[in-house]
N, C-alpha and C. Protein backbone atom coordinates (compact mmCIF):
# COMPACT_ATOMS: atom_id res chain seq x y z
N MET A 1 49.86 -26.01 59.81
CA MET A 1 49.95 -26.75 58.56
C MET A 1 50.88 -27.94 58.78
N ASP A 2 50.53 -29.06 58.29
CA ASP A 2 51.27 -30.29 58.49
C ASP A 2 52.48 -30.32 57.55
N GLN A 3 53.69 -30.40 58.15
CA GLN A 3 54.93 -30.41 57.38
C GLN A 3 55.04 -31.64 56.48
N ASP A 4 54.38 -32.72 56.84
CA ASP A 4 54.43 -33.94 56.02
C ASP A 4 53.85 -33.70 54.63
N ASN A 5 52.89 -32.80 54.53
CA ASN A 5 52.30 -32.49 53.23
C ASN A 5 53.33 -31.91 52.26
N PHE A 6 54.34 -31.23 52.83
CA PHE A 6 55.36 -30.60 51.99
C PHE A 6 56.29 -31.62 51.34
N LYS A 7 56.24 -32.86 51.78
CA LYS A 7 57.07 -33.89 51.14
C LYS A 7 56.59 -34.17 49.72
N ASN A 8 55.35 -33.85 49.45
CA ASN A 8 54.80 -33.96 48.10
C ASN A 8 55.22 -32.68 47.36
N GLU A 9 56.10 -32.83 46.37
CA GLU A 9 56.67 -31.67 45.70
C GLU A 9 55.63 -30.83 44.98
N SER A 10 54.65 -31.45 44.39
CA SER A 10 53.59 -30.69 43.71
C SER A 10 52.84 -29.82 44.71
N TYR A 11 52.56 -30.38 45.87
CA TYR A 11 51.88 -29.62 46.92
C TYR A 11 52.77 -28.48 47.40
N LEU A 12 54.06 -28.77 47.59
CA LEU A 12 55.01 -27.75 48.04
C LEU A 12 55.05 -26.60 47.04
N ILE A 13 55.13 -26.90 45.77
CA ILE A 13 55.17 -25.86 44.74
C ILE A 13 53.87 -25.05 44.74
N ALA A 14 52.75 -25.73 44.86
CA ALA A 14 51.46 -25.04 44.89
C ALA A 14 51.39 -24.09 46.09
N GLN A 15 51.88 -24.56 47.23
CA GLN A 15 51.87 -23.73 48.43
C GLN A 15 52.83 -22.54 48.29
N LEU A 16 53.98 -22.77 47.68
CA LEU A 16 54.92 -21.67 47.43
C LEU A 16 54.27 -20.62 46.55
N LYS A 17 53.63 -21.07 45.48
CA LYS A 17 52.99 -20.14 44.55
C LYS A 17 51.91 -19.31 45.23
N SER A 18 51.26 -19.91 46.23
CA SER A 18 50.20 -19.17 46.92
C SER A 18 50.76 -18.25 48.01
N GLY A 19 52.09 -18.30 48.23
CA GLY A 19 52.72 -17.40 49.20
C GLY A 19 52.82 -17.97 50.60
N CYS A 20 52.71 -19.26 50.74
CA CYS A 20 52.78 -19.91 52.05
C CYS A 20 54.20 -19.83 52.60
N LYS A 21 54.36 -19.11 53.70
CA LYS A 21 55.69 -18.93 54.29
C LYS A 21 56.21 -20.23 54.89
N GLU A 22 55.31 -21.08 55.37
CA GLU A 22 55.74 -22.36 55.92
C GLU A 22 56.35 -23.23 54.82
N ALA A 23 55.77 -23.19 53.64
CA ALA A 23 56.30 -23.95 52.51
C ALA A 23 57.68 -23.40 52.13
N TYR A 24 57.80 -22.10 52.15
CA TYR A 24 59.08 -21.47 51.84
C TYR A 24 60.13 -21.87 52.88
N GLY A 25 59.75 -21.85 54.15
CA GLY A 25 60.65 -22.27 55.22
C GLY A 25 61.07 -23.72 55.05
N HIS A 26 60.12 -24.56 54.67
CA HIS A 26 60.42 -25.98 54.44
C HIS A 26 61.41 -26.13 53.28
N LEU A 27 61.17 -25.40 52.21
CA LEU A 27 62.07 -25.44 51.06
C LEU A 27 63.47 -25.01 51.47
N PHE A 28 63.56 -23.95 52.25
CA PHE A 28 64.84 -23.44 52.71
C PHE A 28 65.57 -24.51 53.54
N LYS A 29 64.87 -25.08 54.52
CA LYS A 29 65.48 -26.11 55.36
C LYS A 29 65.92 -27.32 54.55
N LEU A 30 65.11 -27.65 53.57
CA LEU A 30 65.36 -28.84 52.77
C LEU A 30 66.60 -28.71 51.89
N TYR A 31 66.81 -27.55 51.30
CA TYR A 31 67.87 -27.43 50.30
C TYR A 31 69.00 -26.45 50.62
N HIS A 32 68.87 -25.64 51.66
CA HIS A 32 69.88 -24.61 51.91
C HIS A 32 71.28 -25.20 52.08
N GLY A 33 71.44 -26.17 52.93
CA GLY A 33 72.76 -26.75 53.18
C GLY A 33 73.36 -27.37 51.93
N GLU A 34 72.56 -28.11 51.22
CA GLU A 34 73.03 -28.77 50.00
C GLU A 34 73.39 -27.73 48.93
N LEU A 35 72.60 -26.68 48.84
CA LEU A 35 72.87 -25.62 47.88
C LEU A 35 74.17 -24.89 48.22
N CYS A 36 74.40 -24.64 49.51
CA CYS A 36 75.65 -24.00 49.94
C CYS A 36 76.85 -24.89 49.60
N ASN A 37 76.73 -26.18 49.84
CA ASN A 37 77.82 -27.10 49.51
C ASN A 37 78.11 -27.09 48.01
N TYR A 38 77.06 -27.11 47.22
CA TYR A 38 77.20 -27.08 45.76
C TYR A 38 77.91 -25.80 45.32
N MET A 39 77.47 -24.66 45.84
CA MET A 39 78.06 -23.39 45.44
C MET A 39 79.48 -23.24 45.97
N THR A 40 79.78 -23.82 47.12
CA THR A 40 81.15 -23.80 47.63
C THR A 40 82.06 -24.59 46.70
N ALA A 41 81.58 -25.72 46.23
CA ALA A 41 82.36 -26.52 45.29
C ALA A 41 82.62 -25.76 44.00
N ILE A 42 81.66 -24.97 43.55
CA ILE A 42 81.83 -24.21 42.31
C ILE A 42 82.70 -22.97 42.51
N SER A 43 82.41 -22.24 43.59
CA SER A 43 83.10 -20.96 43.79
C SER A 43 84.41 -21.10 44.55
N GLY A 44 84.51 -22.14 45.36
CA GLY A 44 85.71 -22.30 46.18
C GLY A 44 85.71 -21.38 47.39
N ASN A 45 84.59 -20.73 47.65
CA ASN A 45 84.52 -19.76 48.75
C ASN A 45 83.19 -19.91 49.47
N PRO A 46 83.22 -20.37 50.74
CA PRO A 46 81.97 -20.58 51.48
C PRO A 46 81.14 -19.30 51.65
N LYS A 47 81.81 -18.16 51.77
CA LYS A 47 81.08 -16.90 51.96
C LYS A 47 80.31 -16.54 50.67
N ILE A 48 80.96 -16.69 49.54
CA ILE A 48 80.29 -16.44 48.26
C ILE A 48 79.15 -17.43 48.09
N ALA A 49 79.41 -18.69 48.46
CA ALA A 49 78.39 -19.73 48.34
C ALA A 49 77.15 -19.36 49.16
N GLU A 50 77.36 -18.89 50.37
CA GLU A 50 76.24 -18.50 51.24
C GLU A 50 75.47 -17.34 50.62
N ASP A 51 76.19 -16.35 50.09
CA ASP A 51 75.54 -15.20 49.45
C ASP A 51 74.69 -15.65 48.26
N ILE A 52 75.25 -16.52 47.44
CA ILE A 52 74.52 -17.00 46.26
C ILE A 52 73.29 -17.79 46.70
N ALA A 53 73.45 -18.63 47.73
CA ALA A 53 72.31 -19.41 48.22
C ALA A 53 71.20 -18.47 48.72
N GLN A 54 71.58 -17.44 49.46
CA GLN A 54 70.59 -16.48 49.96
C GLN A 54 69.89 -15.78 48.79
N GLN A 55 70.67 -15.34 47.80
CA GLN A 55 70.09 -14.68 46.63
C GLN A 55 69.14 -15.62 45.89
N THR A 56 69.51 -16.90 45.85
CA THR A 56 68.67 -17.90 45.16
C THR A 56 67.31 -18.00 45.84
N PHE A 57 67.31 -18.13 47.16
CA PHE A 57 66.04 -18.26 47.87
C PHE A 57 65.22 -16.98 47.79
N ILE A 58 65.89 -15.84 47.78
CA ILE A 58 65.17 -14.57 47.61
C ILE A 58 64.52 -14.53 46.23
N LYS A 59 65.28 -14.92 45.22
CA LYS A 59 64.75 -14.92 43.85
C LYS A 59 63.57 -15.89 43.71
N ILE A 60 63.69 -17.06 44.34
CA ILE A 60 62.60 -18.04 44.30
C ILE A 60 61.34 -17.42 44.92
N TRP A 61 61.51 -16.78 46.06
CA TRP A 61 60.35 -16.17 46.73
C TRP A 61 59.75 -15.05 45.87
N GLU A 62 60.61 -14.20 45.32
CA GLU A 62 60.12 -13.09 44.52
C GLU A 62 59.38 -13.57 43.26
N ASN A 63 59.82 -14.70 42.72
CA ASN A 63 59.23 -15.22 41.48
C ASN A 63 58.34 -16.44 41.72
N ARG A 64 57.89 -16.62 42.93
CA ARG A 64 57.15 -17.83 43.30
C ARG A 64 55.88 -18.02 42.47
N LYS A 65 55.22 -16.92 42.12
CA LYS A 65 53.96 -17.04 41.37
C LYS A 65 54.17 -17.55 39.95
N LYS A 66 55.40 -17.43 39.46
CA LYS A 66 55.71 -17.86 38.09
C LYS A 66 56.20 -19.30 38.04
N LEU A 67 56.38 -19.93 39.19
CA LEU A 67 56.88 -21.31 39.21
C LEU A 67 55.93 -22.22 38.43
N SER A 68 56.46 -22.90 37.46
CA SER A 68 55.65 -23.86 36.71
C SER A 68 56.52 -25.09 36.48
N LEU A 69 56.73 -25.81 37.55
CA LEU A 69 57.61 -26.96 37.50
C LEU A 69 56.82 -28.24 37.60
N SER A 70 57.27 -29.23 36.88
CA SER A 70 56.65 -30.54 37.03
C SER A 70 57.33 -31.25 38.20
N LYS A 71 56.79 -32.36 38.57
CA LYS A 71 57.29 -33.12 39.72
C LYS A 71 58.78 -33.41 39.57
N ASP A 72 59.50 -33.35 40.69
CA ASP A 72 60.93 -33.65 40.78
C ASP A 72 61.82 -32.66 40.02
N LYS A 73 61.33 -31.47 39.76
CA LYS A 73 62.15 -30.48 39.05
C LYS A 73 62.55 -29.32 39.96
N LEU A 74 62.00 -29.22 41.15
CA LEU A 74 62.24 -28.09 42.02
C LEU A 74 63.71 -27.98 42.42
N LYS A 75 64.28 -29.08 42.84
CA LYS A 75 65.69 -29.08 43.25
C LYS A 75 66.58 -28.66 42.08
N ARG A 76 66.34 -29.23 40.92
CA ARG A 76 67.12 -28.89 39.74
C ARG A 76 66.98 -27.40 39.41
N TYR A 77 65.76 -26.89 39.54
CA TYR A 77 65.51 -25.48 39.27
C TYR A 77 66.28 -24.59 40.25
N LEU A 78 66.23 -24.92 41.54
CA LEU A 78 66.97 -24.18 42.57
C LEU A 78 68.46 -24.11 42.23
N PHE A 79 69.03 -25.26 41.90
CA PHE A 79 70.45 -25.32 41.63
C PHE A 79 70.81 -24.57 40.34
N LYS A 80 69.92 -24.58 39.37
CA LYS A 80 70.15 -23.85 38.13
C LYS A 80 70.10 -22.34 38.38
N VAL A 81 69.15 -21.90 39.19
CA VAL A 81 69.06 -20.48 39.54
C VAL A 81 70.34 -20.05 40.25
N ALA A 82 70.80 -20.86 41.20
CA ALA A 82 72.03 -20.54 41.95
C ALA A 82 73.22 -20.46 40.99
N TYR A 83 73.33 -21.43 40.12
CA TYR A 83 74.45 -21.45 39.17
C TYR A 83 74.42 -20.20 38.29
N ASN A 84 73.25 -19.84 37.78
CA ASN A 84 73.13 -18.66 36.94
C ASN A 84 73.46 -17.37 37.70
N LEU A 85 73.04 -17.29 38.96
CA LEU A 85 73.38 -16.13 39.78
C LEU A 85 74.89 -16.02 39.96
N PHE A 86 75.53 -17.17 40.18
CA PHE A 86 76.98 -17.18 40.34
C PHE A 86 77.67 -16.71 39.06
N ILE A 87 77.24 -17.24 37.93
CA ILE A 87 77.84 -16.85 36.64
C ILE A 87 77.63 -15.36 36.40
N ASP A 88 76.43 -14.87 36.67
CA ASP A 88 76.16 -13.43 36.51
C ASP A 88 77.07 -12.59 37.39
N SER A 89 77.26 -13.01 38.63
CA SER A 89 78.12 -12.25 39.53
C SER A 89 79.57 -12.27 39.05
N GLN A 90 80.01 -13.40 38.51
CA GLN A 90 81.38 -13.48 37.98
C GLN A 90 81.54 -12.54 36.78
N ARG A 91 80.55 -12.49 35.93
CA ARG A 91 80.61 -11.59 34.77
C ARG A 91 80.66 -10.13 35.21
N ARG A 92 79.82 -9.79 36.20
CA ARG A 92 79.82 -8.42 36.72
C ARG A 92 81.17 -8.07 37.31
N LYS A 93 81.72 -8.98 38.11
CA LYS A 93 83.02 -8.72 38.72
C LYS A 93 84.10 -8.55 37.67
N LYS A 94 84.05 -9.37 36.62
CA LYS A 94 85.04 -9.27 35.55
C LYS A 94 84.93 -7.91 34.86
N LYS A 95 83.69 -7.48 34.56
CA LYS A 95 83.50 -6.18 33.91
C LYS A 95 83.99 -5.04 34.81
N GLU A 96 83.64 -5.12 36.09
CA GLU A 96 84.08 -4.09 37.03
C GLU A 96 85.60 -4.06 37.13
N PHE A 97 86.21 -5.24 37.19
CA PHE A 97 87.66 -5.32 37.27
C PHE A 97 88.30 -4.71 36.03
N GLU A 98 87.77 -5.07 34.85
CA GLU A 98 88.31 -4.53 33.61
C GLU A 98 88.14 -3.01 33.55
N LEU A 99 86.98 -2.53 33.98
CA LEU A 99 86.74 -1.10 33.99
C LEU A 99 87.71 -0.39 34.93
N LEU A 100 87.86 -0.93 36.13
CA LEU A 100 88.77 -0.32 37.09
C LEU A 100 90.21 -0.37 36.59
N GLU A 101 90.59 -1.47 35.96
CA GLU A 101 91.94 -1.57 35.40
C GLU A 101 92.15 -0.53 34.31
N ASN A 102 91.15 -0.37 33.45
CA ASN A 102 91.24 0.65 32.40
C ASN A 102 91.33 2.05 32.99
N LEU A 103 90.49 2.31 33.98
CA LEU A 103 90.53 3.62 34.63
C LEU A 103 91.88 3.85 35.31
N LYS A 104 92.38 2.81 35.95
CA LYS A 104 93.68 2.91 36.63
C LYS A 104 94.78 3.18 35.60
N GLN A 105 94.75 2.43 34.50
CA GLN A 105 95.76 2.61 33.46
C GLN A 105 95.69 4.02 32.87
N GLU A 106 94.48 4.48 32.60
CA GLU A 106 94.32 5.83 32.08
C GLU A 106 94.82 6.87 33.08
N ALA A 107 94.54 6.63 34.35
CA ALA A 107 94.99 7.56 35.39
C ALA A 107 96.52 7.57 35.46
N TYR A 108 97.14 6.40 35.37
CA TYR A 108 98.61 6.34 35.40
C TYR A 108 99.21 7.09 34.22
N LEU A 109 98.63 6.88 33.04
CA LEU A 109 99.13 7.58 31.86
C LEU A 109 98.96 9.09 31.99
N GLU A 110 97.84 9.48 32.54
CA GLU A 110 97.60 10.91 32.74
C GLU A 110 98.56 11.49 33.76
N LEU A 111 98.85 10.72 34.80
CA LEU A 111 99.77 11.21 35.84
C LEU A 111 101.16 11.43 35.28
N VAL A 112 101.58 10.57 34.38
CA VAL A 112 102.90 10.70 33.79
C VAL A 112 103.01 12.02 33.04
N ASP A 113 101.95 12.39 32.37
CA ASP A 113 101.96 13.60 31.55
C ASP A 113 101.59 14.87 32.32
N ALA A 114 100.97 14.71 33.44
CA ALA A 114 100.43 15.89 34.13
C ALA A 114 101.37 16.36 35.24
N ASP A 115 101.32 17.64 35.51
CA ASP A 115 102.08 18.14 36.65
C ASP A 115 101.20 18.11 37.90
N THR A 116 101.76 18.40 39.04
CA THR A 116 101.06 18.26 40.31
C THR A 116 99.83 19.16 40.41
N SER A 117 99.93 20.38 39.94
CA SER A 117 98.79 21.28 40.06
C SER A 117 97.61 20.80 39.22
N LEU A 118 97.91 20.29 38.03
CA LEU A 118 96.86 19.75 37.18
C LEU A 118 96.20 18.54 37.83
N PHE A 119 97.03 17.71 38.43
CA PHE A 119 96.51 16.53 39.14
C PHE A 119 95.59 16.95 40.28
N GLU A 120 96.02 17.93 41.05
CA GLU A 120 95.19 18.40 42.17
C GLU A 120 93.88 18.99 41.67
N GLU A 121 93.95 19.70 40.56
CA GLU A 121 92.75 20.28 39.98
C GLU A 121 91.78 19.17 39.53
N ARG A 122 92.32 18.14 38.93
CA ARG A 122 91.50 17.02 38.49
C ARG A 122 90.90 16.27 39.68
N LEU A 123 91.70 16.09 40.70
CA LEU A 123 91.21 15.40 41.90
C LEU A 123 90.06 16.19 42.52
N LYS A 124 90.19 17.52 42.57
CA LYS A 124 89.10 18.35 43.09
C LYS A 124 87.86 18.21 42.23
N ARG A 125 88.07 18.12 40.93
CA ARG A 125 86.93 17.98 40.00
C ARG A 125 86.22 16.64 40.23
N VAL A 126 87.03 15.59 40.41
CA VAL A 126 86.44 14.27 40.68
C VAL A 126 85.64 14.32 41.98
N GLU A 127 86.22 14.90 43.02
CA GLU A 127 85.52 15.00 44.30
C GLU A 127 84.27 15.85 44.18
N MET A 128 84.35 16.91 43.39
CA MET A 128 83.19 17.76 43.18
C MET A 128 82.08 16.97 42.46
N GLU A 129 82.46 16.21 41.45
CA GLU A 129 81.47 15.41 40.72
C GLU A 129 80.87 14.34 41.62
N ILE A 130 81.67 13.76 42.50
CA ILE A 130 81.14 12.79 43.46
C ILE A 130 80.13 13.48 44.37
N ASP A 131 80.45 14.70 44.82
CA ASP A 131 79.53 15.46 45.67
C ASP A 131 78.24 15.81 44.94
N ASN A 132 78.28 15.91 43.62
CA ASN A 132 77.09 16.26 42.84
C ASN A 132 76.18 15.06 42.58
N LEU A 133 76.63 13.87 42.95
CA LEU A 133 75.78 12.69 42.76
C LEU A 133 74.56 12.79 43.66
N PRO A 134 73.45 12.17 43.28
CA PRO A 134 72.29 12.12 44.18
C PRO A 134 72.71 11.52 45.53
N GLU A 135 72.08 11.94 46.60
CA GLU A 135 72.53 11.61 47.96
C GLU A 135 72.74 10.12 48.18
N GLN A 136 71.75 9.30 47.88
CA GLN A 136 71.86 7.85 48.13
C GLN A 136 72.94 7.24 47.23
N CYS A 137 72.98 7.69 46.01
CA CYS A 137 73.98 7.21 45.04
C CYS A 137 75.39 7.55 45.54
N LYS A 138 75.53 8.76 46.06
CA LYS A 138 76.83 9.21 46.59
C LYS A 138 77.24 8.35 47.79
N LYS A 139 76.30 8.09 48.69
CA LYS A 139 76.60 7.25 49.86
C LYS A 139 77.10 5.89 49.42
N VAL A 140 76.39 5.26 48.50
CA VAL A 140 76.74 3.93 48.03
C VAL A 140 78.12 3.96 47.37
N PHE A 141 78.37 4.95 46.53
CA PHE A 141 79.65 5.06 45.83
C PHE A 141 80.80 5.22 46.82
N ILE A 142 80.64 6.11 47.78
CA ILE A 142 81.70 6.36 48.78
C ILE A 142 81.94 5.12 49.63
N MET A 143 80.86 4.45 50.03
CA MET A 143 81.01 3.24 50.85
C MET A 143 81.75 2.15 50.07
N SER A 144 81.50 2.09 48.79
CA SER A 144 82.15 1.06 47.97
C SER A 144 83.59 1.43 47.62
N LYS A 145 83.78 2.61 47.08
CA LYS A 145 85.09 2.97 46.53
C LYS A 145 86.05 3.55 47.56
N LYS A 146 85.56 4.35 48.48
CA LYS A 146 86.47 4.95 49.47
C LYS A 146 86.63 4.08 50.71
N GLU A 147 85.51 3.47 51.16
CA GLU A 147 85.57 2.67 52.37
C GLU A 147 85.85 1.20 52.07
N GLY A 148 85.71 0.82 50.81
CA GLY A 148 86.04 -0.56 50.41
C GLY A 148 85.02 -1.61 50.85
N LEU A 149 83.78 -1.19 51.10
CA LEU A 149 82.77 -2.15 51.53
C LEU A 149 82.23 -2.94 50.35
N LYS A 150 81.83 -4.16 50.61
CA LYS A 150 81.22 -5.00 49.58
C LYS A 150 79.75 -4.62 49.45
N TYR A 151 79.17 -4.97 48.31
CA TYR A 151 77.78 -4.60 48.05
C TYR A 151 76.84 -5.13 49.13
N ARG A 152 77.08 -6.35 49.60
CA ARG A 152 76.23 -6.94 50.64
C ARG A 152 76.32 -6.10 51.92
N GLU A 153 77.54 -5.67 52.28
CA GLU A 153 77.72 -4.86 53.49
C GLU A 153 77.02 -3.51 53.35
N ILE A 154 77.12 -2.92 52.17
CA ILE A 154 76.45 -1.64 51.92
C ILE A 154 74.94 -1.83 52.03
N SER A 155 74.45 -2.92 51.42
CA SER A 155 73.01 -3.17 51.44
C SER A 155 72.50 -3.34 52.86
N GLU A 156 73.27 -4.01 53.69
CA GLU A 156 72.86 -4.22 55.08
C GLU A 156 72.89 -2.91 55.87
N GLN A 157 73.94 -2.11 55.66
CA GLN A 157 74.06 -0.85 56.40
C GLN A 157 73.00 0.16 56.00
N LEU A 158 72.66 0.20 54.72
CA LEU A 158 71.68 1.19 54.24
C LEU A 158 70.26 0.64 54.17
N HIS A 159 70.11 -0.65 54.49
CA HIS A 159 68.79 -1.30 54.47
C HIS A 159 68.16 -1.20 53.08
N ILE A 160 68.97 -1.52 52.06
CA ILE A 160 68.49 -1.57 50.69
C ILE A 160 68.94 -2.90 50.09
N SER A 161 68.35 -3.29 48.98
CA SER A 161 68.71 -4.57 48.37
C SER A 161 70.07 -4.46 47.67
N ILE A 162 70.67 -5.60 47.45
CA ILE A 162 71.95 -5.65 46.73
C ILE A 162 71.74 -5.11 45.32
N LYS A 163 70.61 -5.42 44.73
CA LYS A 163 70.30 -4.95 43.38
C LYS A 163 70.26 -3.42 43.35
N THR A 164 69.71 -2.81 44.41
CA THR A 164 69.66 -1.35 44.49
C THR A 164 71.06 -0.78 44.59
N VAL A 165 71.93 -1.46 45.35
CA VAL A 165 73.33 -1.04 45.46
C VAL A 165 73.97 -1.08 44.07
N GLU A 166 73.73 -2.16 43.34
CA GLU A 166 74.30 -2.31 42.00
C GLU A 166 73.80 -1.20 41.07
N VAL A 167 72.52 -0.87 41.17
CA VAL A 167 71.94 0.18 40.33
C VAL A 167 72.59 1.53 40.66
N HIS A 168 72.75 1.82 41.96
CA HIS A 168 73.39 3.08 42.36
C HIS A 168 74.83 3.15 41.87
N MET A 169 75.56 2.05 41.96
CA MET A 169 76.95 2.04 41.51
C MET A 169 77.03 2.24 40.00
N ALA A 170 76.16 1.58 39.27
CA ALA A 170 76.16 1.74 37.81
C ALA A 170 75.83 3.18 37.44
N LYS A 171 74.84 3.76 38.14
CA LYS A 171 74.44 5.15 37.88
C LYS A 171 75.61 6.09 38.19
N ALA A 172 76.29 5.86 39.31
CA ALA A 172 77.41 6.72 39.71
C ALA A 172 78.54 6.63 38.70
N MET A 173 78.91 5.42 38.31
CA MET A 173 80.02 5.24 37.37
C MET A 173 79.68 5.87 36.02
N LYS A 174 78.46 5.67 35.56
CA LYS A 174 78.06 6.23 34.27
C LYS A 174 78.10 7.76 34.32
N ARG A 175 77.55 8.30 35.39
CA ARG A 175 77.50 9.76 35.52
C ARG A 175 78.90 10.36 35.66
N LEU A 176 79.75 9.72 36.48
CA LEU A 176 81.11 10.23 36.65
C LEU A 176 81.88 10.15 35.34
N ARG A 177 81.75 9.03 34.63
CA ARG A 177 82.43 8.90 33.35
C ARG A 177 81.99 10.01 32.39
N ALA A 178 80.68 10.24 32.33
CA ALA A 178 80.15 11.25 31.41
C ALA A 178 80.64 12.65 31.79
N GLN A 179 80.66 12.93 33.07
CA GLN A 179 81.04 14.27 33.52
C GLN A 179 82.54 14.50 33.44
N LEU A 180 83.32 13.45 33.64
CA LEU A 180 84.76 13.62 33.75
C LEU A 180 85.53 13.30 32.47
N THR A 181 84.89 12.69 31.50
CA THR A 181 85.59 12.31 30.26
C THR A 181 86.19 13.52 29.57
N SER A 182 85.41 14.57 29.44
CA SER A 182 85.92 15.76 28.76
C SER A 182 86.95 16.50 29.60
N PHE A 183 86.83 16.42 30.89
CA PHE A 183 87.75 17.14 31.77
C PHE A 183 89.08 16.43 31.91
N LEU A 184 89.03 15.11 32.05
CA LEU A 184 90.28 14.35 32.24
C LEU A 184 90.89 14.12 30.89
């Protein structure tokens, strides 16, 4: 396929929609560097910028059949998708941080009131509830909370998507909260 044809944005979009991997590769080469620079400027972190850029291109590929852009809108669309992914990730991180802070604060308050044997009993209960999680969910939770791995690292090690990691973490947190609320 002639790469010069991809310079016509309408043709490039049509080829993307049809699943042409060469068109996707051309799109990636054309905008990846610029998108990373843009996201670095917004996030202040080149690693986060790279992750967001990768997620953007994955999302574009996954939703390629729905692309309905007029001429000269593809670049703007790419950058908007990246920006929205960044904002979503910041919101998730903020919620997770607030949740962990609340859990930490509750744990500190409980520790003040509890004696050592009660604490050990609760810790065993937490570990037991972690062990009762579904196998994949338990792996993801342990890798994140005990080993301190980032979602991207977990996704790479387990060969699952970042979204799947997020779903497992949400499921684990919800289940642990439900099981441990009455006990703690």
